[in-house]
Amino acid sequence: MRKLIAVVALLASTSAFAAHCPMDMKKIDDTLAKNPTLNAEQMAEVKKLRAEGETLHKAGKHQESVDTLAKAMKILGI
């Protein structure tokens, strides 16, 4: 029974991260659409991290995606 509970908890947390990635990508996209005041280096880094986060999400690496997108959001101040 404990193994079943552990498996269910793991699947639930994976699903939560999977749903979190698109929300973070949308926050980044919405902020970028407002032309934030970033220097060229920061803008390039945000775009790189955003693309990498989406790639990780599509590969099923949701925790890595969330972590990567968080770095972009930190640069953007969101």
Protein backbone atom coordinates (compact mmCIF):
# COMPACT_ATOMS: atom_id res chain seq x y z
CA MET A 1 0.00 0.00 0.00
CA ARG A 2 2.84 2.41 0.82
CA LYS A 3 4.41 1.78 -2.58
CA LEU A 4 1.12 2.62 -4.26
CA ILE A 5 0.86 5.86 -2.30
CA ALA A 6 4.45 6.74 -3.22
CA VAL A 7 3.79 6.09 -6.91
CA VAL A 8 0.60 8.17 -6.86
CA ALA A 9 2.43 11.02 -5.09
CA LEU A 10 5.24 10.90 -7.64
CA LEU A 11 2.83 10.97 -10.55
CA ALA A 12 0.89 13.84 -9.01
CA SER A 13 4.05 15.90 -8.49
CA THR A 14 5.20 15.19 -12.04
CA SER A 15 1.83 16.32 -13.37
CA ALA A 16 2.04 19.48 -11.30
CA PHE A 17 5.45 20.33 -12.75
CA ALA A 18 4.23 19.48 -16.24
CA ALA A 19 1.40 21.98 -15.87
CA HIS A 20 3.69 24.56 -14.27
CA CYS A 21 6.06 24.81 -17.24
CA PRO A 22 3.53 26.27 -19.72
CA MET A 23 2.39 28.81 -17.13
CA ASP A 24 5.98 29.95 -16.60
CA MET A 25 6.58 30.14 -20.35
CA LYS A 26 3.46 32.30 -20.71
CA LYS A 27 4.64 34.64 -17.93
CA ILE A 28 7.98 35.02 -19.72
CA ASP A 29 6.33 35.56 -23.11
CA ASP A 30 3.90 38.12 -21.69
CA THR A 31 6.72 40.03 -20.02
CA LEU A 32 8.85 39.97 -23.18
CA ALA A 33 5.89 41.33 -25.16
CA LYS A 34 5.99 44.43 -22.93
CA ASN A 35 9.58 45.18 -24.07
CA PRO A 36 11.27 45.07 -20.65
CA THR A 37 14.34 47.22 -20.10
CA LEU A 38 17.09 44.65 -20.42
CA ASN A 39 20.47 44.98 -22.00
CA ALA A 40 21.25 42.86 -25.07
CA GLU A 41 23.09 40.23 -23.01
CA GLN A 42 20.20 39.83 -20.57
CA MET A 43 17.65 39.63 -23.40
CA ALA A 44 19.68 36.96 -25.17
CA GLU A 45 20.00 34.97 -21.92
CA VAL A 46 16.25 35.17 -21.22
CA LYS A 47 15.42 33.99 -24.74
CA LYS A 48 17.95 31.16 -24.49
CA LEU A 49 16.61 30.02 -21.12
CA ARG A 50 13.00 30.27 -22.36
CA ALA A 51 13.79 28.07 -25.37
CA GLU A 52 15.75 25.61 -23.24
CA GLY A 53 12.88 25.42 -20.74
CA GLU A 54 10.43 24.57 -23.50
CA THR A 55 12.76 21.90 -24.90
CA LEU A 56 13.13 20.34 -21.45
CA HIS A 57 9.35 20.44 -20.94
CA LYS A 58 8.73 18.66 -24.25
CA ALA A 59 11.35 16.06 -23.26
CA GLY A 60 9.44 15.35 -20.05
CA LYS A 61 12.15 16.87 -17.85
CA HIS A 62 9.73 19.08 -15.97
CA GLN A 63 11.75 19.87 -12.86
CA GLU A 64 14.70 20.91 -15.03
CA SER A 65 12.30 22.97 -17.15
CA VAL A 66 10.86 24.74 -14.10
CA ASP A 67 14.35 25.46 -12.78
CA THR A 68 15.53 26.82 -16.14
CA LEU A 69 12.45 28.98 -16.62
CA ALA A 70 12.88 30.32 -13.08
CA LYS A 71 16.29 31.67 -14.07
CA ALA A 72 14.72 33.55 -16.99
CA MET A 73 11.97 34.90 -14.74
CA LYS A 74 14.54 36.08 -12.20
CA ILE A 75 16.33 38.09 -14.89
CA LEU A 76 12.97 39.56 -15.92
CA GLY A 77 12.07 40.34 -12.31
CA ILE A 78 8.95 38.15 -12.25
